[in-house]
Amino acid sequence: MVTLRCPCEQSHELWGELWWAGGQYQWVFYDDLKTSETYSEQVSYCPECGRELERKTLRSVKPLH
């Protein structure tokens, strides 16, 4: 698990997990901003800017313990 931020101006905080699904690894993202309507829900798009979430475009913040 890793904490990530969208590169948009709002830098919305998410967490990501690498799952094994359909015979391959796939990143799954969750909203980690407590004041957000989608807090703790799985998301495919940034709740702030609407950008599709891809691991290669997200910035790593810190590992979760």
N, C-alpha and C. Protein backbone atom coordinates (compact mmCIF):
# COMPACT_ATOMS: atom_id res chain seq x y z
N MET A 1 0.84 -1.16 0.00
CA MET A 1 0.00 0.00 0.00
C MET A 1 0.90 1.24 0.00
N VAL A 2 0.48 2.26 -0.73
CA VAL A 2 1.26 3.48 -0.82
C VAL A 2 0.31 4.68 -0.88
N THR A 3 0.71 5.78 -0.26
CA THR A 3 -0.05 7.01 -0.33
C THR A 3 0.41 7.78 -1.56
N LEU A 4 -0.55 8.25 -2.35
CA LEU A 4 -0.27 8.92 -3.62
C LEU A 4 -1.03 10.23 -3.70
N ARG A 5 -0.58 11.11 -4.59
CA ARG A 5 -1.30 12.36 -4.85
C ARG A 5 -1.47 12.54 -6.35
N CYS A 6 -2.63 13.05 -6.71
CA CYS A 6 -2.89 13.40 -8.10
C CYS A 6 -2.03 14.61 -8.44
N PRO A 7 -1.52 14.71 -9.67
CA PRO A 7 -0.70 15.86 -10.03
C PRO A 7 -1.50 17.14 -10.27
N CYS A 8 -2.82 17.13 -10.07
CA CYS A 8 -3.63 18.33 -10.27
C CYS A 8 -3.31 19.38 -9.21
N GLU A 9 -3.83 20.57 -9.39
CA GLU A 9 -3.58 21.68 -8.46
C GLU A 9 -4.02 21.36 -7.04
N GLN A 10 -5.06 20.56 -6.88
CA GLN A 10 -5.58 20.23 -5.55
C GLN A 10 -4.75 19.15 -4.85
N SER A 11 -3.92 18.42 -5.58
CA SER A 11 -3.08 17.35 -5.02
C SER A 11 -3.89 16.41 -4.14
N HIS A 12 -5.01 15.94 -4.65
CA HIS A 12 -5.90 15.06 -3.89
C HIS A 12 -5.15 13.80 -3.44
N GLU A 13 -5.27 13.47 -2.17
CA GLU A 13 -4.55 12.32 -1.62
C GLU A 13 -5.36 11.04 -1.78
N LEU A 14 -4.66 9.99 -2.22
CA LEU A 14 -5.25 8.68 -2.48
C LEU A 14 -4.35 7.63 -1.87
N TRP A 15 -4.83 6.41 -1.78
CA TRP A 15 -3.91 5.32 -1.49
C TRP A 15 -4.10 4.28 -2.57
N GLY A 16 -3.01 3.59 -2.86
CA GLY A 16 -3.04 2.60 -3.92
C GLY A 16 -2.57 1.24 -3.43
N GLU A 17 -3.16 0.21 -4.00
CA GLU A 17 -2.78 -1.16 -3.71
C GLU A 17 -2.58 -1.89 -5.02
N LEU A 18 -1.63 -2.78 -5.06
CA LEU A 18 -1.37 -3.59 -6.23
C LEU A 18 -2.07 -4.93 -6.04
N TRP A 19 -3.06 -5.22 -6.87
CA TRP A 19 -3.85 -6.44 -6.76
C TRP A 19 -3.55 -7.37 -7.92
N TRP A 20 -3.71 -8.66 -7.69
CA TRP A 20 -3.62 -9.67 -8.73
C TRP A 20 -5.05 -9.93 -9.20
N ALA A 21 -5.34 -9.60 -10.46
CA ALA A 21 -6.69 -9.78 -10.99
C ALA A 21 -6.62 -10.14 -12.47
N GLY A 22 -7.37 -11.13 -12.85
CA GLY A 22 -7.43 -11.53 -14.26
C GLY A 22 -6.09 -11.97 -14.82
N GLY A 23 -5.25 -12.59 -13.98
CA GLY A 23 -3.97 -13.10 -14.44
C GLY A 23 -2.88 -12.05 -14.56
N GLN A 24 -3.11 -10.86 -13.99
CA GLN A 24 -2.08 -9.82 -14.02
C GLN A 24 -2.22 -8.89 -12.82
N TYR A 25 -1.16 -8.14 -12.55
CA TYR A 25 -1.21 -7.16 -11.47
C TYR A 25 -1.90 -5.90 -11.98
N GLN A 26 -2.68 -5.28 -11.07
CA GLN A 26 -3.44 -4.09 -11.43
C GLN A 26 -3.46 -3.15 -10.22
N TRP A 27 -3.21 -1.86 -10.45
CA TRP A 27 -3.30 -0.88 -9.38
C TRP A 27 -4.77 -0.55 -9.11
N VAL A 28 -5.12 -0.47 -7.83
CA VAL A 28 -6.46 -0.10 -7.39
C VAL A 28 -6.28 1.09 -6.46
N PHE A 29 -7.10 2.14 -6.65
CA PHE A 29 -6.94 3.39 -5.91
C PHE A 29 -8.16 3.67 -5.05
N TYR A 30 -7.92 4.27 -3.88
CA TYR A 30 -8.97 4.64 -2.93
C TYR A 30 -8.78 6.09 -2.52
N ASP A 31 -9.90 6.77 -2.31
CA ASP A 31 -9.88 8.16 -1.86
C ASP A 31 -9.43 8.19 -0.40
N ASP A 32 -8.42 9.00 -0.10
CA ASP A 32 -7.88 9.07 1.26
C ASP A 32 -8.07 10.43 1.92
N LEU A 33 -8.92 11.29 1.34
CA LEU A 33 -9.18 12.60 1.91
C LEU A 33 -10.44 12.52 2.76
N LYS A 34 -10.29 12.65 4.09
CA LYS A 34 -11.41 12.42 5.02
C LYS A 34 -12.61 13.32 4.77
N THR A 35 -12.40 14.50 4.20
CA THR A 35 -13.52 15.43 3.96
C THR A 35 -14.19 15.22 2.61
N SER A 36 -13.73 14.26 1.84
CA SER A 36 -14.27 14.00 0.51
C SER A 36 -15.54 13.14 0.56
N GLU A 37 -16.43 13.34 -0.41
CA GLU A 37 -17.66 12.54 -0.50
C GLU A 37 -17.35 11.06 -0.75
N THR A 38 -16.22 10.78 -1.39
CA THR A 38 -15.88 9.39 -1.73
C THR A 38 -14.80 8.83 -0.81
N TYR A 39 -14.62 9.40 0.37
CA TYR A 39 -13.58 8.94 1.31
C TYR A 39 -13.67 7.44 1.52
N SER A 40 -12.55 6.78 1.39
CA SER A 40 -12.34 5.34 1.57
C SER A 40 -12.99 4.47 0.49
N GLU A 41 -13.57 5.09 -0.53
CA GLU A 41 -14.16 4.34 -1.63
C GLU A 41 -13.14 4.13 -2.75
N GLN A 42 -13.29 3.03 -3.49
CA GLN A 42 -12.44 2.79 -4.64
C GLN A 42 -12.81 3.81 -5.72
N VAL A 43 -11.79 4.44 -6.32
CA VAL A 43 -12.01 5.45 -7.35
C VAL A 43 -11.15 5.16 -8.57
N SER A 44 -11.63 5.54 -9.73
CA SER A 44 -10.88 5.41 -10.98
C SER A 44 -10.47 6.77 -11.52
N TYR A 45 -11.12 7.83 -11.00
CA TYR A 45 -10.85 9.19 -11.42
C TYR A 45 -10.60 10.05 -10.19
N CYS A 46 -9.77 11.07 -10.32
CA CYS A 46 -9.50 11.98 -9.21
C CYS A 46 -10.80 12.66 -8.80
N PRO A 47 -11.18 12.62 -7.52
CA PRO A 47 -12.41 13.27 -7.06
C PRO A 47 -12.38 14.79 -7.24
N GLU A 48 -11.21 15.40 -7.37
CA GLU A 48 -11.11 16.85 -7.52
C GLU A 48 -11.16 17.30 -8.98
N CYS A 49 -10.29 16.73 -9.82
CA CYS A 49 -10.17 17.24 -11.19
C CYS A 49 -10.80 16.32 -12.24
N GLY A 50 -11.14 15.08 -11.88
CA GLY A 50 -11.77 14.16 -12.81
C GLY A 50 -10.81 13.40 -13.71
N ARG A 51 -9.50 13.60 -13.51
CA ARG A 51 -8.49 12.92 -14.32
C ARG A 51 -8.50 11.42 -14.03
N GLU A 52 -8.38 10.60 -15.08
CA GLU A 52 -8.29 9.16 -14.89
C GLU A 52 -7.00 8.84 -14.13
N LEU A 53 -7.10 7.97 -13.13
CA LEU A 53 -5.95 7.65 -12.29
C LEU A 53 -5.10 6.56 -12.92
N GLU A 54 -3.82 6.85 -13.07
CA GLU A 54 -2.83 5.89 -13.56
C GLU A 54 -1.62 6.01 -12.65
N ARG A 55 -1.07 4.89 -12.24
CA ARG A 55 0.05 4.90 -11.29
C ARG A 55 1.22 5.75 -11.80
N LYS A 56 1.50 5.71 -13.09
CA LYS A 56 2.65 6.43 -13.63
C LYS A 56 2.50 7.95 -13.55
N THR A 57 1.28 8.46 -13.38
CA THR A 57 1.10 9.91 -13.30
C THR A 57 0.92 10.40 -11.86
N LEU A 58 0.73 9.49 -10.91
CA LEU A 58 0.55 9.87 -9.51
C LEU A 58 1.88 10.00 -8.80
N ARG A 59 1.95 10.93 -7.84
CA ARG A 59 3.18 11.13 -7.06
C ARG A 59 3.08 10.38 -5.74
N SER A 60 4.15 9.69 -5.40
CA SER A 60 4.22 8.97 -4.13
C SER A 60 4.46 9.95 -3.01
N VAL A 61 3.71 9.80 -1.91
CA VAL A 61 3.83 10.68 -0.76
C VAL A 61 4.65 10.01 0.34
N LYS A 62 4.16 8.86 0.79
CA LYS A 62 4.83 8.11 1.86
C LYS A 62 4.24 6.73 1.93
N PRO A 63 4.99 5.76 2.36
CA PRO A 63 4.40 4.42 2.53
C PRO A 63 3.48 4.39 3.74
N LEU A 64 2.40 3.64 3.65
CA LEU A 64 1.52 3.45 4.81
C LEU A 64 2.06 2.33 5.67
N HIS A 65 1.92 2.45 6.96
CA HIS A 65 2.40 1.40 7.89
C HIS A 65 1.23 0.72 8.53
